[in-house]
Amino acid sequence: MAATQHLRALQALELAVRHGSIRRAAEELAITPAAAGQRIRALEDYLGTDLLLRGRSGLHPTPALEQALPDLPAAFAALERVTGTLDFQRVSELHIVADPDWAELWLMRRLPAFRDAHPNIRFCINGEGDVPMRLGAPDMRMERSDATKGMPLFRDVHVAITGPDNLRRLGDWDRDFELEGLPLLHLDGSIAEARIPGWPEWVEKYGQRREGADRGVNYRHLRQALAAVRENVGFLICGLCLARADLDAGRVVLVYPAERHLSEVAPYRMFLRDATRTTAQVRRFADWLLEQARESQAWVDGMAGPAHRTG
């Protein structure tokens, strides 16, 4: 008999003794009773001895089997552990395309925890990572979108932030318009096309400046603008969740309470490729991502106050 046949026969044998029935063993193995009985008979023929006795209370091991029987459950438990370990160590790939600022300021700060739990899954995010970029559609795509097909992650709000040393400059020029004359930082046109609100929208809603809400220094990426804010270069309208790590560390501060925010037009959404959406690595990462997003949404809702509504 081949080694795999030995294992199958021993598995059927151990279950038949444990349940006292070949039929019960077959049900657990998802095979017919005839197939289970055939496995056991083939093993008996190979060993040249009977292994089972049928009595009024069901099947019982023969003396020959009784000596080996205590080792069988432990052996199969060890095999299950080995199988799990081999599956755990098998390398899987995830190819992701995402909004660059979201990827760097939100995803990458959380990803190490997922990597620790799933070291067999390797990533290529926006063309960089553990594995080279491949041709074709990514497994996952994350972006701001009001489409209904993707799974919503969280809807951020946009708040005024600055460097810690800049708060003392509020009202230097005009006590009634605290932001008058202060340097405003903006994100460039490619960001504006995504309908992300900025200083003109904030000043229109909350005031604090008479003119020049559209003037100032422009940055191509939010992460570049955040770096300038940390150096006290100026004041920026920024997604609250994307600034969270800097806020928690005290590298940037809120100019006004988060209740003075601008709502985001569309939430971040996750789109999965049909060809790979049911694979184990995609399911695991998607489930983890949704859990992280729920925590972020709860934090944003708590900071933004009761006037903020997600959707």
Protein backbone atom coordinates (compact mmCIF):
# COMPACT_ATOMS: atom_id res chain seq x y z
CA MET A 1 0.00 0.00 0.00
CA ALA A 2 1.13 3.57 -0.68
CA ALA A 3 1.75 5.88 2.27
CA THR A 4 -1.38 7.92 1.52
CA GLN A 5 -3.47 4.75 1.46
CA HIS A 6 -2.02 3.73 4.84
CA LEU A 7 -2.99 7.11 6.30
CA ARG A 8 -6.51 6.96 4.92
CA ALA A 9 -7.01 3.43 6.20
CA LEU A 10 -5.66 4.31 9.65
CA GLN A 11 -7.91 7.36 9.76
CA ALA A 12 -10.98 5.26 8.92
CA LEU A 13 -9.89 2.65 11.48
CA GLU A 14 -9.43 5.16 14.31
CA LEU A 15 -12.82 6.78 13.63
CA ALA A 16 -14.58 3.40 13.40
CA VAL A 17 -13.22 2.38 16.82
CA ARG A 18 -13.95 5.77 18.36
CA HIS A 19 -17.58 5.78 17.18
CA GLY A 20 -18.07 2.01 17.29
CA SER A 21 -19.41 2.15 13.74
CA ILE A 22 -18.03 2.13 10.21
CA ARG A 23 -21.08 4.10 9.09
CA ARG A 24 -20.29 6.91 11.55
CA ALA A 25 -16.66 6.89 10.45
CA ALA A 26 -17.75 7.15 6.81
CA GLU A 27 -20.03 10.11 7.59
CA GLU A 28 -17.16 12.02 9.21
CA LEU A 29 -14.89 11.25 6.26
CA ALA A 30 -17.62 12.15 3.73
CA ILE A 31 -17.31 8.76 1.99
CA THR A 32 -19.63 5.75 1.75
CA PRO A 33 -19.61 3.02 4.44
CA ALA A 34 -18.49 0.57 1.76
CA ALA A 35 -15.46 2.73 0.94
CA ALA A 36 -14.55 3.07 4.63
CA GLY A 37 -14.86 -0.70 5.14
CA GLN A 38 -12.73 -1.31 2.06
CA ARG A 39 -9.96 0.90 3.41
CA ILE A 40 -9.90 -1.02 6.68
CA ARG A 41 -9.98 -4.44 4.97
CA ALA A 42 -7.12 -3.42 2.68
CA LEU A 43 -5.04 -2.53 5.75
CA GLU A 44 -5.93 -5.84 7.42
CA ASP A 45 -4.88 -7.70 4.26
CA TYR A 46 -1.60 -5.77 4.15
CA LEU A 47 -0.83 -6.53 7.83
CA GLY A 48 -2.14 -10.10 7.64
CA THR A 49 -4.27 -9.75 10.77
CA ASP A 50 -7.77 -8.71 11.85
CA LEU A 51 -8.04 -5.30 13.45
CA LEU A 52 -11.73 -5.04 14.32
CA LEU A 53 -14.24 -7.26 16.11
CA ARG A 54 -17.99 -6.76 15.88
CA GLY A 55 -19.92 -7.14 19.13
CA ARG A 56 -23.37 -6.31 20.43
CA SER A 57 -22.27 -2.81 21.43
CA GLY A 58 -20.53 -2.13 18.13
CA LEU A 59 -17.00 -2.44 16.82
CA HIS A 60 -14.07 -3.21 19.11
CA PRO A 61 -10.32 -3.35 18.48
CA THR A 62 -8.60 -6.72 18.38
CA PRO A 63 -5.63 -7.26 20.76
CA ALA A 64 -3.29 -6.49 17.88
CA LEU A 65 -4.90 -3.07 17.37
CA GLU A 66 -5.30 -2.26 21.07
CA GLN A 67 -1.54 -1.87 21.51
CA ALA A 68 -1.35 0.76 18.76
CA LEU A 69 -4.69 2.44 19.35
CA PRO A 70 -3.57 5.04 21.97
CA ASP A 71 -1.04 6.46 19.51
CA LEU A 72 -3.48 7.01 16.64
CA PRO A 73 -5.34 10.15 17.92
CA ALA A 74 -2.04 11.79 18.88
CA ALA A 75 -0.56 10.93 15.49
CA PHE A 76 -3.47 12.44 13.56
CA ALA A 77 -3.43 15.56 15.76
CA ALA A 78 0.27 15.96 14.94
CA LEU A 79 -0.47 15.54 11.22
CA GLU A 80 -3.12 18.27 11.41
CA ARG A 81 -0.61 20.60 13.03
CA VAL A 82 1.95 19.86 10.34
CA THR A 83 -0.63 20.46 7.61
CA GLY A 84 -1.61 23.76 9.20
CA THR A 85 2.02 24.81 9.47
CA LEU A 86 2.73 23.98 5.83
CA ASP A 87 -0.34 25.92 4.72
CA PHE A 88 0.69 28.82 6.97
CA GLN A 89 4.14 28.92 5.42
CA ARG A 90 2.91 28.76 1.84
CA VAL A 91 3.56 32.14 0.22
CA SER A 92 0.57 33.99 -1.19
CA GLU A 93 0.60 37.30 -3.02
CA LEU A 94 -1.71 40.28 -2.84
CA HIS A 95 -1.52 42.99 -5.48
CA ILE A 96 -3.12 46.26 -4.42
CA VAL A 97 -3.62 49.62 -6.11
CA ALA A 98 -4.72 52.37 -3.74
CA ASP A 99 -4.93 56.11 -3.28
CA PRO A 100 -1.26 56.93 -2.49
CA ASP A 101 -2.00 59.14 0.51
CA TRP A 102 -4.45 56.62 1.97
CA ALA A 103 -1.91 53.83 1.45
CA GLU A 104 0.94 55.67 3.18
CA LEU A 105 -0.93 57.51 5.92
CA TRP A 106 -3.56 54.90 6.83
CA LEU A 107 -2.80 51.44 5.46
CA MET A 108 0.97 51.26 5.92
CA ARG A 109 0.72 52.29 9.58
CA ARG A 110 -1.56 49.30 10.25
CA LEU A 111 -0.08 46.72 7.91
CA PRO A 112 2.71 45.45 10.25
CA ALA A 113 0.08 43.94 12.59
CA PHE A 114 -1.45 42.00 9.69
CA ARG A 115 1.98 40.88 8.51
CA ASP A 116 2.79 39.55 11.97
CA ALA A 117 -0.39 37.48 11.95
CA HIS A 118 -0.01 36.32 8.33
CA PRO A 119 3.70 36.25 7.38
CA ASN A 120 2.95 33.99 4.41
CA ILE A 121 1.06 36.77 2.60
CA ARG A 122 3.26 39.16 0.66
CA PHE A 123 2.25 42.45 -0.86
CA CYS A 124 2.76 44.62 -3.89
CA ILE A 125 1.15 47.99 -3.16
CA ASN A 126 1.15 50.57 -5.93
CA GLY A 127 3.96 48.71 -7.68
CA GLU A 128 6.24 48.29 -4.65
CA GLY A 129 6.62 45.67 -1.94
CA ASP A 130 7.70 42.10 -1.28
CA VAL A 131 6.83 40.85 -4.76
CA PRO A 132 7.26 42.47 -8.18
CA MET A 133 4.36 44.16 -9.90
CA ARG A 134 2.46 41.92 -12.30
CA LEU A 135 0.54 42.75 -15.44
CA GLY A 136 -3.22 42.86 -15.37
CA ALA A 137 -5.81 43.96 -12.85
CA PRO A 138 -4.88 44.13 -9.14
CA ASP A 139 -6.52 41.84 -6.60
CA MET A 140 -7.80 44.86 -4.67
CA ARG A 141 -8.29 48.52 -5.42
CA MET A 142 -8.96 51.20 -2.79
CA GLU A 143 -10.08 54.73 -3.62
CA ARG A 144 -12.58 57.43 -2.77
CA SER A 145 -15.70 56.59 -4.70
CA ASP A 146 -19.45 57.10 -4.55
CA ALA A 147 -19.97 53.97 -6.69
CA THR A 148 -22.27 51.37 -5.17
CA LYS A 149 -20.29 48.29 -6.27
CA GLY A 150 -17.34 48.57 -3.93
CA MET A 151 -17.43 47.86 -0.19
CA PRO A 152 -17.35 51.09 1.86
CA LEU A 153 -14.45 51.35 4.30
CA PHE A 154 -14.88 54.70 6.07
CA ARG A 155 -15.95 58.25 5.34
CA ASP A 156 -13.46 60.79 6.65
CA VAL A 157 -14.03 64.43 7.59
CA HIS A 158 -11.71 67.32 6.79
CA VAL A 159 -10.41 69.61 9.53
CA ALA A 160 -7.99 72.51 9.94
CA ILE A 161 -4.58 71.47 11.29
CA THR A 162 -1.23 73.15 11.84
CA GLY A 163 2.07 72.71 13.66
CA PRO A 164 2.08 73.06 17.46
CA ASP A 165 4.00 76.35 17.36
CA ASN A 166 1.52 77.99 15.00
CA LEU A 167 -1.47 78.16 17.31
CA ARG A 168 -0.03 81.25 19.03
CA ARG A 169 -0.21 83.09 15.67
CA LEU A 170 -4.01 82.95 15.52
CA GLY A 171 -5.51 86.43 15.63
CA ASP A 172 -2.18 88.28 15.29
CA TRP A 173 -3.54 90.25 12.33
CA ASP A 174 -7.24 90.39 13.12
CA ARG A 175 -8.97 89.22 16.29
CA ASP A 176 -12.30 88.78 14.51
CA PHE A 177 -10.78 86.86 11.58
CA GLU A 178 -8.15 84.70 13.26
CA LEU A 179 -6.76 83.20 10.06
CA GLU A 180 -6.31 86.50 8.26
CA GLY A 181 -2.77 86.85 6.90
CA LEU A 182 -1.67 83.37 7.99
CA PRO A 183 -0.04 81.01 5.42
CA LEU A 184 -2.51 78.52 4.02
CA LEU A 185 -1.42 75.22 2.47
CA HIS A 186 -3.35 73.54 -0.34
CA LEU A 187 -3.44 70.36 -2.36
CA ASP A 188 -3.08 70.82 -6.10
CA GLY A 189 -5.61 70.49 -8.90
CA SER A 190 -5.31 66.73 -9.33
CA ILE A 191 -6.48 66.37 -5.74
CA ALA A 192 -9.21 68.94 -6.23
CA GLU A 193 -10.59 66.87 -9.10
CA ALA A 194 -11.33 64.16 -6.53
CA ARG A 195 -13.71 66.65 -4.85
CA ILE A 196 -11.66 66.87 -1.67
CA PRO A 197 -12.62 70.07 0.18
CA GLY A 198 -10.02 72.70 1.02
CA TRP A 199 -9.63 76.18 2.48
CA PRO A 200 -12.11 77.98 0.17
CA GLU A 201 -14.88 75.63 1.26
CA TRP A 202 -13.86 75.78 4.92
CA VAL A 203 -13.73 79.60 5.02
CA GLU A 204 -17.06 79.83 3.21
CA LYS A 205 -18.64 77.68 5.92
CA TYR A 206 -16.83 78.86 9.06
CA GLY A 207 -15.33 82.26 8.18
CA GLN A 208 -12.23 83.37 10.13
CA ARG A 209 -10.70 84.97 7.01
CA ARG A 210 -11.80 87.85 4.80
CA GLU A 211 -9.82 87.08 1.64
CA GLY A 212 -7.13 84.93 0.13
CA ALA A 213 -8.63 81.56 1.07
CA ASP A 214 -7.46 80.18 -2.28
CA ARG A 215 -3.92 81.56 -2.03
CA GLY A 216 -0.87 79.86 -0.56
CA VAL A 217 1.53 76.99 -1.21
CA ASN A 218 0.28 73.98 -3.18
CA TYR A 219 1.42 70.39 -2.70
CA ARG A 220 0.94 67.47 -4.99
CA HIS A 221 0.39 64.89 -2.22
CA LEU A 222 -1.12 65.11 1.23
CA ARG A 223 1.90 63.40 2.77
CA GLN A 224 4.09 66.25 1.43
CA ALA A 225 1.74 68.86 2.83
CA LEU A 226 1.69 67.09 6.21
CA ALA A 227 5.48 67.18 6.31
CA ALA A 228 5.30 70.96 5.87
CA VAL A 229 2.67 71.26 8.61
CA ARG A 230 4.95 69.39 11.02
CA GLU A 231 7.58 72.05 10.36
CA ASN A 232 5.08 74.83 11.18
CA VAL A 233 5.07 76.10 7.58
CA GLY A 234 1.35 76.82 7.59
CA PHE A 235 -2.27 75.75 8.04
CA LEU A 236 -3.87 72.87 6.11
CA ILE A 237 -7.30 71.33 5.58
CA CYS A 238 -6.70 67.60 5.98
CA GLY A 239 -8.59 64.33 6.34
CA LEU A 240 -8.91 63.73 10.07
CA CYS A 241 -8.27 59.99 9.85
CA LEU A 242 -5.22 60.44 7.65
CA ALA A 243 -3.74 62.89 10.14
CA ARG A 244 -4.50 60.66 13.14
CA ALA A 245 -1.00 59.34 13.73
CA ASP A 246 0.46 62.86 13.66
CA LEU A 247 -2.30 64.16 15.93
CA ASP A 248 -1.79 61.33 18.43
CA ALA A 249 1.95 61.98 18.48
CA GLY A 250 1.51 65.73 18.87
CA ARG A 251 3.39 66.50 15.65
CA VAL A 252 0.35 68.44 14.39
CA VAL A 253 -2.63 69.93 16.21
CA LEU A 254 -6.22 70.87 15.43
CA VAL A 255 -6.68 74.58 14.83
CA TYR A 256 -10.33 74.32 15.88
CA PRO A 257 -12.32 71.42 17.40
CA ALA A 258 -13.12 68.64 14.94
CA GLU A 259 -16.80 69.57 15.08
CA ARG A 260 -15.77 72.36 12.67
CA HIS A 261 -15.21 70.03 9.76
CA LEU A 262 -16.12 69.55 6.14
CA SER A 263 -17.77 66.27 5.21
CA GLU A 264 -16.24 64.09 2.56
CA VAL A 265 -18.20 63.73 -0.66
CA ALA A 266 -17.44 60.01 -1.03
CA PRO A 267 -16.07 57.34 1.30
CA TYR A 268 -13.03 55.18 0.72
CA ARG A 269 -14.16 51.95 -0.90
CA MET A 270 -12.61 48.56 -1.54
CA PHE A 271 -13.03 46.89 -4.93
CA LEU A 272 -12.12 43.21 -5.38
CA ARG A 273 -11.17 41.49 -8.62
CA ASP A 274 -13.72 38.81 -9.52
CA ALA A 275 -11.04 36.26 -10.42
CA THR A 276 -9.40 36.34 -6.97
CA ARG A 277 -12.06 37.67 -4.59
CA THR A 278 -12.70 34.21 -3.08
CA THR A 279 -9.06 33.22 -2.51
CA ALA A 280 -7.96 32.73 1.07
CA GLN A 281 -5.46 35.60 1.12
CA VAL A 282 -7.95 38.10 -0.33
CA ARG A 283 -10.68 37.04 2.10
CA ARG A 284 -8.35 37.29 5.10
CA PHE A 285 -7.04 40.71 4.15
CA ALA A 286 -10.48 42.07 3.19
CA ASP A 287 -11.96 40.95 6.52
CA TRP A 288 -9.05 42.53 8.41
CA LEU A 289 -9.35 45.73 6.38
CA LEU A 290 -13.06 46.05 7.12
CA GLU A 291 -12.38 45.57 10.84
CA GLN A 292 -9.73 48.29 10.80
CA ALA A 293 -12.04 50.58 8.84
CA ARG A 294 -14.85 50.14 11.38
CA GLU A 295 -12.50 51.22 14.15
CA SER A 296 -11.42 54.26 12.13
CA GLN A 297 -15.00 55.22 11.36
CA ALA A 298 -15.95 55.00 15.03
CA TRP A 299 -13.00 57.23 15.93
CA VAL A 300 -13.88 59.82 13.27
CA ASP A 301 -17.53 59.84 14.35
CA GLY A 302 -16.51 60.35 17.98
CA MET A 303 -14.16 63.21 17.12
CA ALA A 304 -16.50 64.94 14.67
CA GLY A 305 -19.43 64.98 17.07
CA PRO A 306 -23.15 64.22 16.76
CA ALA A 307 -23.63 66.52 13.75
CA HIS A 308 -21.50 64.17 11.67
CA ARG A 309 -23.33 61.37 9.91
CA THR A 310 -21.67 58.54 7.98
CA GLY A 311 -23.19 56.96 4.92
